[in-house]
Amino acid sequence: MREKFLSELVETISNWSEVVAIAEGGSQAKGNQDQASDLDLYIYVHSEVPFVKRSMLIDLRSDNAELDNRIWEVGDEWTDSSTGMVVDMMYRSPDWIERELARVLDSHEASLGCSTCHWENVRSSRALFDPTGWYRKLKLKADRPYPGELARSIFEKNYRLLCDSHSAFQKQIVTAASRNDSVSVNHRTADFLACYFDVLFALNRVPHPGEKRLLDSSDSLEFVPTALRDTVQALMSAGSRNEATELKRLLDRMVTELDLCLRASVLRNLAPLQRDFPQTGSRQKPEVSVEHRAKRTILR
């Protein structure tokens, strides 16, 4: 049913004169979808598809639609009435995605969190309509080893905001908790985790999979703290109660174990990042060690 629905939808969209290529992304394309997964369609266009044309397609198929959403990128989200499938149609410029790939793969520019998620989006997607071969060429560009200089840039931009700088998220979280400022604790914890996972995926030379199910994705990494899932859950729990002392202990542990992952990756020549590791007196060092098992490094 899904493939039939998808085929019919792509056939209709591919007839729009503005369309250059159509790709499926997200968990459906990767094969790790669950019952809550929607259908992510990336529609590459040389000019904007008129709203009337898009609404004519969707209004016939859905009574639950949000059209022309421009909060992040132009998109139409709707639920198909006959199948119950949730469809997220995102419209992108070929020039834009080419610039995004060049920014990370050629210029090695980092962001605060999710630095390489657009690269991974292209890598893991599958082409559904590509009459000129443009998308095939784009995927060939994306199918390349992780640049060492990119990993270094991600580390240098994100790591300082974990613990090293005066405005580090770790300090802001603890300060906010001591003030019982729950909103700020939640906000800065999200920032901390965004930078943390950006560094973790970079030191493993794995493109960032995006903001969803990061703990599941990190389970397959070679260098990863063994209790990361439990620690993150404990962090969220302590944050909900504004427990400043417990938050500091957990954040210290997370950063220390990230340091050990980085050291292990350097020893394996996977991440030649030059760094003087922090030796701050305030950081508590948990009893952890690095162990290699079946090409996977875990921390204890």
Protein backbone atom coordinates (compact mmCIF):
# COMPACT_ATOMS: atom_id res chain seq x y z
CA MET A 1 0.00 0.00 0.00
CA ARG A 2 2.76 2.41 0.91
CA GLU A 3 4.73 1.89 -2.30
CA LYS A 4 1.61 2.23 -4.44
CA PHE A 5 0.66 5.45 -2.68
CA LEU A 6 4.20 6.79 -3.00
CA SER A 7 4.44 5.85 -6.69
CA GLU A 8 1.19 7.61 -7.54
CA LEU A 9 2.18 10.69 -5.56
CA VAL A 10 5.60 10.94 -7.21
CA GLU A 11 4.08 10.45 -10.66
CA THR A 12 1.81 13.44 -10.09
CA ILE A 13 4.49 15.70 -8.62
CA SER A 14 7.01 14.80 -11.32
CA ASN A 15 4.68 16.32 -13.91
CA TRP A 16 5.05 19.75 -12.37
CA SER A 17 7.25 21.83 -14.69
CA GLU A 18 9.22 23.32 -11.78
CA VAL A 19 10.48 19.97 -10.48
CA VAL A 20 14.10 18.95 -11.06
CA ALA A 21 14.24 15.86 -8.81
CA ILE A 22 12.38 14.11 -6.01
CA ALA A 23 14.03 12.16 -3.19
CA GLU A 24 12.75 10.28 -0.18
CA GLY A 25 14.60 10.85 3.08
CA GLY A 26 14.23 10.24 6.80
CA SER A 27 13.65 6.95 8.55
CA GLN A 28 11.52 5.54 5.71
CA ALA A 29 14.47 5.81 3.31
CA LYS A 30 16.89 4.41 5.88
CA GLY A 31 14.63 1.49 6.71
CA ASN A 32 14.42 2.20 10.46
CA GLN A 33 10.93 3.65 10.51
CA ASP A 34 8.38 3.02 13.21
CA GLN A 35 4.62 3.57 13.45
CA ALA A 36 5.11 7.29 14.11
CA SER A 37 7.34 7.84 11.07
CA ASP A 38 6.06 10.08 8.31
CA LEU A 39 6.91 10.15 4.62
CA ASP A 40 9.61 12.74 3.95
CA LEU A 41 9.72 13.94 0.35
CA TYR A 42 12.41 16.39 -0.75
CA ILE A 43 11.25 18.11 -3.92
CA TYR A 44 14.03 20.00 -5.71
CA VAL A 45 12.70 22.80 -7.87
CA HIS A 46 14.26 25.47 -10.12
CA SER A 47 11.48 27.88 -9.13
CA GLU A 48 8.74 27.89 -6.51
CA VAL A 49 5.77 25.67 -7.23
CA PRO A 50 2.63 27.87 -7.18
CA PHE A 51 0.50 27.43 -4.09
CA VAL A 52 -2.61 26.73 -6.15
CA LYS A 53 -0.94 23.81 -7.91
CA ARG A 54 0.19 22.29 -4.61
CA SER A 55 -3.17 22.77 -2.90
CA MET A 56 -5.01 21.14 -5.80
CA LEU A 57 -2.95 18.00 -5.26
CA ILE A 58 -3.32 17.92 -1.48
CA ASP A 59 -6.90 19.12 -1.00
CA LEU A 60 -8.17 16.14 -2.98
CA ARG A 61 -6.35 13.75 -0.69
CA SER A 62 -6.49 15.30 2.76
CA ASP A 63 -8.77 17.08 5.18
CA ASN A 64 -5.90 17.55 7.62
CA ALA A 65 -3.22 19.67 5.97
CA GLU A 66 -0.89 22.53 6.81
CA LEU A 67 0.12 24.13 3.53
CA ASP A 68 2.86 26.61 2.76
CA ASN A 69 4.65 26.25 6.09
CA ARG A 70 7.70 28.56 5.91
CA ILE A 71 9.02 28.32 9.46
CA TRP A 72 12.13 26.39 8.40
CA GLU A 73 11.90 25.72 4.68
CA VAL A 74 8.92 25.87 2.35
CA GLY A 75 6.82 22.81 2.97
CA ASP A 76 3.40 21.16 2.91
CA GLU A 77 2.46 18.70 5.65
CA TRP A 78 -0.67 16.61 5.38
CA THR A 79 -2.33 13.32 6.24
CA ASP A 80 -3.65 11.19 3.41
CA SER A 81 -7.30 10.41 4.08
CA SER A 82 -7.35 7.00 2.42
CA THR A 83 -4.17 5.51 3.91
CA GLY A 84 -3.60 7.58 7.05
CA MET A 85 -0.03 8.26 5.95
CA VAL A 86 1.51 11.52 7.11
CA VAL A 87 3.38 13.27 4.29
CA ASP A 88 5.96 16.02 4.71
CA MET A 89 6.78 17.63 1.36
CA MET A 90 9.78 19.99 1.48
CA TYR A 91 10.76 22.17 -1.45
CA ARG A 92 14.44 22.90 -1.98
CA SER A 93 16.60 24.66 -4.49
CA PRO A 94 19.32 22.57 -6.15
CA ASP A 95 21.70 25.51 -5.72
CA TRP A 96 21.00 25.61 -1.99
CA ILE A 97 21.74 21.94 -1.31
CA GLU A 98 24.86 22.12 -3.49
CA ARG A 99 26.08 25.06 -1.39
CA GLU A 100 25.30 23.16 1.81
CA LEU A 101 27.39 20.19 0.71
CA ALA A 102 30.23 22.45 -0.44
CA ARG A 103 30.12 24.31 2.88
CA VAL A 104 30.86 21.17 4.91
CA LEU A 105 32.73 18.93 2.45
CA ASP A 106 34.91 21.54 0.74
CA SER A 107 35.05 24.55 3.09
CA HIS A 108 34.77 22.41 6.26
CA GLU A 109 32.46 24.86 8.03
CA ALA A 110 30.89 23.78 11.30
CA SER A 111 27.62 24.80 12.94
CA LEU A 112 26.49 24.71 16.55
CA GLY A 113 24.98 21.23 16.50
CA CYS A 114 23.88 19.12 13.52
CA SER A 115 26.79 20.37 11.39
CA THR A 116 26.61 17.55 8.86
CA CYS A 117 22.92 16.61 8.90
CA HIS A 118 22.22 17.88 5.37
CA TRP A 119 25.15 15.83 4.09
CA GLU A 120 23.71 12.77 5.80
CA ASN A 121 20.27 13.61 4.45
CA VAL A 122 21.57 13.37 0.89
CA ARG A 123 23.73 10.29 1.60
CA SER A 124 20.87 8.28 3.09
CA SER A 125 18.11 9.41 0.74
CA ARG A 126 16.89 7.55 -2.32
CA ALA A 127 16.05 9.16 -5.62
CA LEU A 128 12.45 8.76 -6.79
CA PHE A 129 12.58 11.04 -9.82
CA ASP A 130 15.80 12.20 -11.44
CA PRO A 131 15.39 12.63 -15.22
CA THR A 132 18.61 14.64 -15.76
CA GLY A 133 20.84 12.66 -13.40
CA TRP A 134 21.50 15.76 -11.29
CA TYR A 135 20.57 14.05 -8.02
CA ARG A 136 22.69 11.01 -8.84
CA LYS A 137 25.68 13.33 -9.23
CA LEU A 138 24.82 15.04 -5.96
CA LYS A 139 24.79 11.69 -4.16
CA LEU A 140 28.13 10.80 -5.72
CA LYS A 141 29.58 14.00 -4.25
CA ALA A 142 28.09 13.09 -0.88
CA ASP A 143 29.50 9.56 -1.02
CA ARG A 144 32.99 10.40 0.18
CA PRO A 145 35.10 9.87 3.30
CA TYR A 146 34.62 12.15 6.26
CA PRO A 147 37.14 15.05 5.92
CA GLY A 148 39.51 15.29 8.86
CA GLU A 149 39.51 19.07 8.70
CA LEU A 150 35.72 19.08 8.99
CA ALA A 151 35.87 16.94 12.14
CA ARG A 152 38.44 19.36 13.55
CA SER A 153 36.26 22.39 12.77
CA ILE A 154 33.20 20.80 14.41
CA PHE A 155 35.20 19.96 17.51
CA GLU A 156 36.74 23.41 17.82
CA LYS A 157 33.40 25.21 17.40
CA ASN A 158 31.28 23.01 19.63
CA TYR A 159 33.55 21.70 22.38
CA ARG A 160 34.32 25.09 23.93
CA LEU A 161 30.64 25.67 24.54
CA LEU A 162 30.37 22.43 26.47
CA CYS A 163 32.75 23.37 29.25
CA ASP A 164 35.77 25.49 28.31
CA SER A 165 34.47 29.02 27.80
CA HIS A 166 33.04 31.51 30.28
CA SER A 167 29.68 31.22 28.53
CA ALA A 168 29.79 27.40 28.34
CA PHE A 169 26.40 25.71 28.46
CA GLN A 170 27.52 23.55 31.38
CA LYS A 171 28.01 26.64 33.56
CA GLN A 172 24.78 28.19 32.37
CA ILE A 173 22.80 25.04 33.20
CA VAL A 174 24.16 24.83 36.75
CA THR A 175 23.63 28.56 37.35
CA ALA A 176 20.06 28.38 36.05
CA ALA A 177 19.32 25.36 38.28
CA SER A 178 20.64 27.20 41.35
CA ARG A 179 18.11 29.94 40.56
CA ASN A 180 15.27 27.45 39.98
CA ASP A 181 15.03 28.77 36.42
CA SER A 182 13.52 25.67 34.83
CA VAL A 183 12.99 27.23 31.41
CA SER A 184 16.65 28.24 31.14
CA VAL A 185 17.81 24.82 32.37
CA ASN A 186 15.76 23.10 29.68
CA HIS A 187 16.89 25.52 26.97
CA ARG A 188 20.61 25.28 27.74
CA THR A 189 20.47 21.51 28.25
CA ALA A 190 19.13 21.19 24.71
CA ASP A 191 22.00 23.41 23.49
CA PHE A 192 24.54 21.34 25.43
CA LEU A 193 23.27 18.08 23.95
CA ALA A 194 23.22 19.51 20.42
CA CYS A 195 26.91 20.43 20.66
CA TYR A 196 27.77 17.21 22.50
CA PHE A 197 26.35 14.92 19.84
CA ASP A 198 27.87 17.02 17.07
CA VAL A 199 31.30 16.39 18.59
CA LEU A 200 30.57 12.72 19.26
CA PHE A 201 29.58 11.96 15.67
CA ALA A 202 32.47 14.04 14.31
CA LEU A 203 35.14 12.23 16.32
CA ASN A 204 33.68 8.95 15.03
CA ARG A 205 33.83 10.31 11.46
CA VAL A 206 30.10 9.68 11.00
CA PRO A 207 27.78 12.32 9.49
CA HIS A 208 25.21 13.62 11.95
CA PRO A 209 21.86 11.81 11.48
CA GLY A 210 19.71 14.77 12.56
CA GLU A 211 17.98 15.68 15.79
CA LYS A 212 15.72 12.64 16.16
CA ARG A 213 16.61 9.37 17.93
CA LEU A 214 20.20 10.42 18.59
CA LEU A 215 20.71 7.92 21.39
CA ASP A 216 19.64 5.09 19.10
CA SER A 217 21.99 6.33 16.39
CA SER A 218 24.89 6.68 18.81
CA ASP A 219 24.56 3.02 19.83
CA SER A 220 26.21 2.02 16.54
CA LEU A 221 29.23 4.34 16.93
CA GLU A 222 32.63 2.83 17.60
CA PHE A 223 33.65 5.37 20.23
CA VAL A 224 30.84 6.06 22.66
CA PRO A 225 30.36 6.16 26.45
CA THR A 226 28.77 2.88 27.43
CA ALA A 227 26.26 4.49 29.82
CA LEU A 228 25.41 7.45 27.62
CA ARG A 229 21.70 6.67 27.44
CA ASP A 230 21.39 6.29 31.22
CA THR A 231 23.45 9.44 31.81
CA VAL A 232 21.34 11.53 29.45
CA GLN A 233 18.14 10.28 31.08
CA ALA A 234 19.57 11.10 34.51
CA LEU A 235 20.56 14.54 33.24
CA MET A 236 17.04 15.26 32.05
CA SER A 237 15.61 14.02 35.34
CA ALA A 238 17.95 16.17 37.44
CA GLY A 239 17.19 19.15 35.23
CA SER A 240 13.46 18.76 35.80
CA ARG A 241 14.10 19.12 39.54
CA ASN A 242 16.73 21.90 39.24
CA GLU A 243 19.28 19.81 41.15
CA ALA A 244 22.38 21.93 40.53
CA THR A 245 24.89 19.64 42.27
CA GLU A 246 23.66 16.53 40.47
CA LEU A 247 23.56 18.37 37.15
CA LYS A 248 27.18 19.43 37.55
CA ARG A 249 28.25 15.88 38.39
CA LEU A 250 26.49 14.45 35.35
CA LEU A 251 27.73 17.15 32.98
CA ASP A 252 31.30 16.68 34.27
CA ARG A 253 31.02 12.95 33.63
CA MET A 254 29.66 13.43 30.12
CA VAL A 255 32.46 15.80 29.12
CA THR A 256 35.16 13.63 30.70
CA GLU A 257 33.91 10.57 28.83
CA LEU A 258 33.73 12.59 25.62
CA ASP A 259 37.40 13.47 26.18
CA LEU A 260 38.22 9.78 26.54
CA CYS A 261 36.36 8.96 23.34
CA LEU A 262 38.37 11.63 21.59
CA ARG A 263 41.65 10.27 22.96
CA ALA A 264 40.72 6.77 21.84
CA SER A 265 39.80 7.96 18.35
CA VAL A 266 43.11 9.81 18.04
CA LEU A 267 44.99 6.65 19.00
CA ARG A 268 43.14 4.80 16.26
CA ASN A 269 44.02 7.58 13.78
CA LEU A 270 40.37 8.27 13.15
CA ALA A 271 40.30 11.84 14.42
CA PRO A 272 43.64 13.65 14.29
CA LEU A 273 42.33 16.62 16.26
CA GLN A 274 44.92 18.79 17.95
CA ARG A 275 43.76 19.70 21.42
CA ASP A 276 45.11 20.35 24.87
CA PHE A 277 42.66 18.37 26.94
CA PRO A 278 41.19 20.32 29.83
CA GLN A 279 42.63 19.57 33.24
CA THR A 280 40.31 21.69 35.31
CA GLY A 281 40.30 21.09 39.01
CA SER A 282 36.53 21.30 39.19
CA ARG A 283 35.83 18.41 36.89
CA GLN A 284 35.20 15.13 38.61
CA LYS A 285 36.85 12.19 36.90
CA PRO A 286 34.67 9.09 36.93
CA GLU A 287 36.31 5.72 36.92
CA VAL A 288 36.26 4.96 33.24
CA SER A 289 38.52 3.04 30.94
CA VAL A 290 38.68 2.48 27.23
CA GLU A 291 38.26 -1.03 25.90
CA HIS A 292 38.14 -2.32 22.33
CA ARG A 293 35.61 -5.01 21.55
CA ALA A 294 34.91 -6.27 18.06
CA LYS A 295 35.90 -2.98 16.47
CA ARG A 296 33.84 -1.04 19.01
CA THR A 297 35.25 1.07 21.81
CA ILE A 298 33.22 1.40 24.97
CA LEU A 299 33.87 3.34 28.14
CA ARG A 300 33.55 1.93 31.60
